[in-house]
Every structure is written in structure tokens, then in C-alpha cells.
Amino acid sequence: MKPRLLALALLSLTAACATTPKAPALPVGTHIGEEMTPGPITRFAVIDATPAEFIGKTLLVEADVKAVCAKAGCWMQVEDDGATSLVRWESGCGGAYKFPMESVGHHVVIQGTFYSKELTPEQRAHMEEEAGKPLELRPDAYEFNASAVLVLEDE
């Protein structure tokens, strides 16, 4: 009788494991910031197409790094399929984390809250000075307040 109970227990355990949903795994990369919560990852171009749907939401977003603040690593500009956005650390400039200059040209996954933000001409000029090059900054700027970033490994 014991082998039969053991077989039934193993079968039940196998069935339970097969039906338990697993959280999607995060891609492999260099992690910076707070702990990331696995979940669906949205391309920035999708968010840019209907930004009002995403304002105030915490998301996992993928894009390519176009520029990084060369002075303090406090912001980066990302691009996906022609759509651009700024990303700043929620801890602020001079906080616990920095975006690495080496991330320019790499694909990233950002965990952060999406919001709209207007930049003054002075802020735009300051950011271009920090980037060391002209930036394509949108008049209807959107930003991410990042809590974590994964700089993905080259494929």
C-alpha cells in the first residue's frame, strides 16, 4: 500500500507544479538599482503610441540607450523605433545609483513609473551640455522615474 500512496503523492505534486504559473524571467544583464519585479516587458514604442494609458503606472520597459549624463550619470535618453524618452533615477541626481556611460548603444530594461514632464529651454541646454552632444528632446516630453535598470548583454 505504501508504494501506491507514494506514487499518488508524486503524481499530485507533479500535477500541482505543472499548473502553477511561473513569473516571467528577466533577461540576462547588468543590474543597477533596486530589486526588479519580473513581469511583462513593454517596448517603449508601444507606450509612445498611447502615452496617456501608461501615465502614473510602474512598468518594465525596453529600449536602446541613446545618451547618458556624462557628469553624474543621473539621466539617460532611450529610443525605440524612433520614439525617445528620458529616464531619471527616482532617488534623484547624486542619489545611490548612476546610469553607466558604457550603456550607450545597449538595449536596456527599465523598471519605473512613466509620467509627462516639460523641459524648459535652460534644462534642455543643460542636458545637451551634460551629454556632450545635441539631443533630440521632444516638446511633449515623457520621462521614466527609474527604480532599477538592466543593461542587457550583447547577443
C-alpha atoms as a PDB file:
ATOM      1  CA  MET A   1       0.000   0.000   0.000  1.00  0.00           C
ATOM      2  CA  LYS A   2       2.892   2.405   0.712  1.00  0.00           C
ATOM      3  CA  PRO A   3       4.285   2.344  -2.877  1.00  0.00           C
ATOM      4  CA  ARG A   4       0.806   3.156  -4.144  1.00  0.00           C
ATOM      5  CA  LEU A   5       0.478   6.156  -1.784  1.00  0.00           C
ATOM      6  CA  LEU A   6       3.963   7.335  -2.728  1.00  0.00           C
ATOM      7  CA  ALA A   7       3.111   7.152  -6.428  1.00  0.00           C
ATOM      8  CA  LEU A   8      -0.142   9.066  -5.833  1.00  0.00           C
ATOM      9  CA  ALA A   9       1.712  11.742  -3.840  1.00  0.00           C
ATOM     10  CA  LEU A  10       4.335  12.142  -6.592  1.00  0.00           C
ATOM     11  CA  LEU A  11       1.629  12.352  -9.241  1.00  0.00           C
ATOM     12  CA  SER A  12      -0.221  15.037  -7.244  1.00  0.00           C
ATOM     13  CA  LEU A  13       2.972  17.013  -6.732  1.00  0.00           C
ATOM     14  CA  THR A  14       3.833  16.826 -10.443  1.00  0.00           C
ATOM     15  CA  ALA A  15       0.336  17.978 -11.413  1.00  0.00           C
ATOM     16  CA  ALA A  16       0.485  20.868  -8.933  1.00  0.00           C
ATOM     17  CA  CYS A  17       3.839  22.036 -10.302  1.00  0.00           C
ATOM     18  CA  ALA A  18       2.622  21.812 -13.888  1.00  0.00           C
ATOM     19  CA  THR A  19      -0.372  24.076 -13.201  1.00  0.00           C
ATOM     20  CA  THR A  20       1.393  26.662 -11.027  1.00  0.00           C
ATOM     21  CA  PRO A  21       2.033  29.750 -13.181  1.00  0.00           C
ATOM     22  CA  LYS A  22       5.625  30.954 -13.143  1.00  0.00           C
ATOM     23  CA  ALA A  23       6.604  34.600 -13.239  1.00  0.00           C
ATOM     24  CA  PRO A  24       8.361  35.501 -16.483  1.00  0.00           C
ATOM     25  CA  ALA A  25      12.111  35.536 -16.083  1.00  0.00           C
ATOM     26  CA  LEU A  26      14.016  38.766 -16.506  1.00  0.00           C
ATOM     27  CA  PRO A  27      16.602  38.877 -19.294  1.00  0.00           C
ATOM     28  CA  VAL A  28      20.298  38.474 -18.500  1.00  0.00           C
ATOM     29  CA  GLY A  29      22.175  41.705 -17.940  1.00  0.00           C
ATOM     30  CA  THR A  30      23.942  44.017 -15.537  1.00  0.00           C
ATOM     31  CA  HIS A  31      21.512  45.082 -12.820  1.00  0.00           C
ATOM     32  CA  ILE A  32      21.605  48.592 -11.343  1.00  0.00           C
ATOM     33  CA  GLY A  33      19.231  49.891  -8.677  1.00  0.00           C
ATOM     34  CA  GLU A  34      16.536  48.360  -6.534  1.00  0.00           C
ATOM     35  CA  GLU A  35      15.278  44.789  -6.897  1.00  0.00           C
ATOM     36  CA  MET A  36      13.365  44.237 -10.159  1.00  0.00           C
ATOM     37  CA  THR A  37       9.990  42.532 -10.127  1.00  0.00           C
ATOM     38  CA  PRO A  38       9.597  40.109 -13.058  1.00  0.00           C
ATOM     39  CA  GLY A  39       6.590  40.771 -15.271  1.00  0.00           C
ATOM     40  CA  PRO A  40       5.597  41.643 -18.803  1.00  0.00           C
ATOM     41  CA  ILE A  41       8.084  43.892 -20.604  1.00  0.00           C
ATOM     42  CA  THR A  42       6.672  46.551 -22.943  1.00  0.00           C
ATOM     43  CA  ARG A  43       8.602  48.188 -25.776  1.00  0.00           C
ATOM     44  CA  PHE A  44       8.802  51.955 -25.408  1.00  0.00           C
ATOM     45  CA  ALA A  45       7.385  52.444 -28.933  1.00  0.00           C
ATOM     46  CA  VAL A  46       4.130  50.818 -27.714  1.00  0.00           C
ATOM     47  CA  ILE A  47       3.966  53.220 -24.764  1.00  0.00           C
ATOM     48  CA  ASP A  48       4.770  56.183 -27.008  1.00  0.00           C
ATOM     49  CA  ALA A  49       1.843  55.299 -29.297  1.00  0.00           C
ATOM     50  CA  THR A  50      -0.691  55.766 -26.453  1.00  0.00           C
ATOM     51  CA  PRO A  51       1.147  57.511 -23.603  1.00  0.00           C
ATOM     52  CA  ALA A  52      -1.992  58.545 -21.669  1.00  0.00           C
ATOM     53  CA  GLU A  53      -2.701  54.859 -20.953  1.00  0.00           C
ATOM     54  CA  PHE A  54       0.615  54.499 -19.112  1.00  0.00           C
ATOM     55  CA  ILE A  55       0.961  57.770 -17.155  1.00  0.00           C
ATOM     56  CA  GLY A  56       1.473  57.076 -13.452  1.00  0.00           C
ATOM     57  CA  LYS A  57       1.972  53.330 -13.920  1.00  0.00           C
ATOM     58  CA  THR A  58       5.036  51.379 -12.863  1.00  0.00           C
ATOM     59  CA  LEU A  59       6.240  49.359 -15.837  1.00  0.00           C
ATOM     60  CA  LEU A  60       9.034  47.237 -17.222  1.00  0.00           C
ATOM     61  CA  VAL A  61      10.076  48.924 -20.455  1.00  0.00           C
ATOM     62  CA  GLU A  62      12.654  48.010 -23.080  1.00  0.00           C
ATOM     63  CA  ALA A  63      14.536  50.435 -25.298  1.00  0.00           C
ATOM     64  CA  ASP A  64      18.031  51.333 -26.521  1.00  0.00           C
ATOM     65  CA  VAL A  65      20.242  53.847 -24.696  1.00  0.00           C
ATOM     66  CA  LYS A  66      20.998  56.891 -26.854  1.00  0.00           C
ATOM     67  CA  ALA A  67      22.742  59.186 -24.354  1.00  0.00           C
ATOM     68  CA  VAL A  68      23.755  59.345 -20.683  1.00  0.00           C
ATOM     69  CA  CYS A  69      24.595  62.289 -18.444  1.00  0.00           C
ATOM     70  CA  ALA A  70      28.407  62.390 -18.608  1.00  0.00           C
ATOM     71  CA  LYS A  71      28.755  64.409 -15.408  1.00  0.00           C
ATOM     72  CA  ALA A  72      26.756  62.432 -12.837  1.00  0.00           C
ATOM     73  CA  GLY A  73      25.022  59.541 -14.637  1.00  0.00           C
ATOM     74  CA  CYS A  74      21.734  60.913 -13.312  1.00  0.00           C
ATOM     75  CA  TRP A  75      19.722  60.599 -16.556  1.00  0.00           C
ATOM     76  CA  MET A  76      19.721  58.706 -19.812  1.00  0.00           C
ATOM     77  CA  GLN A  77      17.833  59.094 -23.048  1.00  0.00           C
ATOM     78  CA  VAL A  78      16.316  55.961 -24.556  1.00  0.00           C
ATOM     79  CA  GLU A  79      14.974  55.286 -28.044  1.00  0.00           C
ATOM     80  CA  ASP A  80      12.763  52.611 -29.537  1.00  0.00           C
ATOM     81  CA  ASP A  81      11.619  52.640 -33.156  1.00  0.00           C
ATOM     82  CA  GLY A  82      12.059  56.432 -33.400  1.00  0.00           C
ATOM     83  CA  ALA A  83      10.328  57.232 -30.075  1.00  0.00           C
ATOM     84  CA  THR A  84      12.503  58.814 -27.376  1.00  0.00           C
ATOM     85  CA  SER A  85      12.152  59.375 -23.652  1.00  0.00           C
ATOM     86  CA  LEU A  86      14.246  60.486 -20.720  1.00  0.00           C
ATOM     87  CA  VAL A  87      14.911  58.246 -17.740  1.00  0.00           C
ATOM     88  CA  ARG A  88      15.942  59.580 -14.348  1.00  0.00           C
ATOM     89  CA  TRP A  89      16.566  57.813 -11.058  1.00  0.00           C
ATOM     90  CA  GLU A  90      13.700  58.144  -8.615  1.00  0.00           C
ATOM     91  CA  SER A  91      16.377  58.830  -5.956  1.00  0.00           C
ATOM     92  CA  GLY A  92      17.400  61.948  -7.904  1.00  0.00           C
ATOM     93  CA  CYS A  93      20.694  63.287  -9.215  1.00  0.00           C
ATOM     94  CA  GLY A  94      23.520  62.409  -6.879  1.00  0.00           C
ATOM     95  CA  GLY A  95      21.497  59.554  -5.400  1.00  0.00           C
ATOM     96  CA  ALA A  96      22.539  55.976  -4.793  1.00  0.00           C
ATOM     97  CA  TYR A  97      22.644  54.912  -8.471  1.00  0.00           C
ATOM     98  CA  LYS A  98      24.133  56.092 -11.756  1.00  0.00           C
ATOM     99  CA  PHE A  99      23.484  55.178 -15.364  1.00  0.00           C
ATOM    100  CA  PRO A 100      26.812  53.960 -16.756  1.00  0.00           C
ATOM    101  CA  MET A 101      28.265  55.782 -19.770  1.00  0.00           C
ATOM    102  CA  GLU A 102      29.100  52.346 -21.216  1.00  0.00           C
ATOM    103  CA  SER A 103      25.372  51.637 -21.598  1.00  0.00           C
ATOM    104  CA  VAL A 104      25.096  53.986 -24.631  1.00  0.00           C
ATOM    105  CA  GLY A 105      24.205  51.817 -27.610  1.00  0.00           C
ATOM    106  CA  HIS A 106      22.977  48.937 -25.436  1.00  0.00           C
ATOM    107  CA  HIS A 107      19.477  47.557 -25.009  1.00  0.00           C
ATOM    108  CA  VAL A 108      18.009  48.077 -21.513  1.00  0.00           C
ATOM    109  CA  VAL A 109      15.001  47.059 -19.457  1.00  0.00           C
ATOM    110  CA  ILE A 110      13.826  49.828 -17.133  1.00  0.00           C
ATOM    111  CA  GLN A 111      11.612  49.383 -14.095  1.00  0.00           C
ATOM    112  CA  GLY A 112       9.995  52.706 -13.427  1.00  0.00           C
ATOM    113  CA  THR A 113       6.979  54.971 -13.333  1.00  0.00           C
ATOM    114  CA  PHE A 114       6.009  56.804 -16.525  1.00  0.00           C
ATOM    115  CA  TYR A 115       4.957  60.460 -16.360  1.00  0.00           C
ATOM    116  CA  SER A 116       4.828  63.593 -18.512  1.00  0.00           C
ATOM    117  CA  LYS A 117       7.356  66.351 -17.967  1.00  0.00           C
ATOM    118  CA  GLU A 118       8.017  69.605 -19.763  1.00  0.00           C
ATOM    119  CA  LEU A 119      11.602  70.796 -20.046  1.00  0.00           C
ATOM    120  CA  THR A 120      12.498  74.477 -20.060  1.00  0.00           C
ATOM    121  CA  PRO A 121      14.925  75.736 -22.711  1.00  0.00           C
ATOM    122  CA  GLU A 122      17.523  76.087 -19.940  1.00  0.00           C
ATOM    123  CA  GLN A 123      17.036  72.446 -18.866  1.00  0.00           C
ATOM    124  CA  ARG A 124      17.354  71.312 -22.483  1.00  0.00           C
ATOM    125  CA  ALA A 125      20.599  73.266 -22.970  1.00  0.00           C
ATOM    126  CA  HIS A 126      21.954  71.906 -19.688  1.00  0.00           C
ATOM    127  CA  MET A 127      21.194  68.309 -20.696  1.00  0.00           C
ATOM    128  CA  GLU A 128      22.864  68.751 -24.091  1.00  0.00           C
ATOM    129  CA  GLU A 129      25.921  70.142 -22.316  1.00  0.00           C
ATOM    130  CA  GLU A 130      25.969  67.109 -19.984  1.00  0.00           C
ATOM    131  CA  ALA A 131      25.568  64.702 -22.922  1.00  0.00           C
ATOM    132  CA  GLY A 132      28.332  66.424 -24.861  1.00  0.00           C
ATOM    133  CA  LYS A 133      26.189  66.416 -27.998  1.00  0.00           C
ATOM    134  CA  PRO A 134      22.862  67.693 -29.317  1.00  0.00           C
ATOM    135  CA  LEU A 135      19.866  65.663 -28.136  1.00  0.00           C
ATOM    136  CA  GLU A 136      16.536  65.108 -29.825  1.00  0.00           C
ATOM    137  CA  LEU A 137      14.264  66.238 -26.996  1.00  0.00           C
ATOM    138  CA  ARG A 138      10.538  66.139 -27.642  1.00  0.00           C
ATOM    139  CA  PRO A 139       8.332  69.153 -26.927  1.00  0.00           C
ATOM    140  CA  ASP A 140       5.798  66.765 -25.305  1.00  0.00           C
ATOM    141  CA  ALA A 141       8.434  65.078 -23.152  1.00  0.00           C
ATOM    142  CA  TYR A 142       7.752  61.948 -21.172  1.00  0.00           C
ATOM    143  CA  GLU A 143      10.046  60.517 -18.550  1.00  0.00           C
ATOM    144  CA  PHE A 144      10.537  57.401 -16.529  1.00  0.00           C
ATOM    145  CA  ASN A 145      11.319  57.600 -12.856  1.00  0.00           C
ATOM    146  CA  ALA A 146      13.542  54.511 -12.657  1.00  0.00           C
ATOM    147  CA  SER A 147      13.966  52.306  -9.631  1.00  0.00           C
ATOM    148  CA  ALA A 148      16.060  49.704 -11.493  1.00  0.00           C
ATOM    149  CA  VAL A 149      17.702  49.093 -14.857  1.00  0.00           C
ATOM    150  CA  LEU A 150      19.079  46.005 -16.585  1.00  0.00           C
ATOM    151  CA  VAL A 151      21.746  46.726 -19.202  1.00  0.00           C
ATOM    152  CA  LEU A 152      21.356  43.681 -21.421  1.00  0.00           C
ATOM    153  CA  GLU A 153      24.242  41.605 -22.680  1.00  0.00           C
ATOM    154  CA  ASP A 154      25.016  41.832 -26.378  1.00  0.00           C
ATOM    155  CA  GLU A 155      23.523  38.993 -28.384  1.00  0.00           C
END
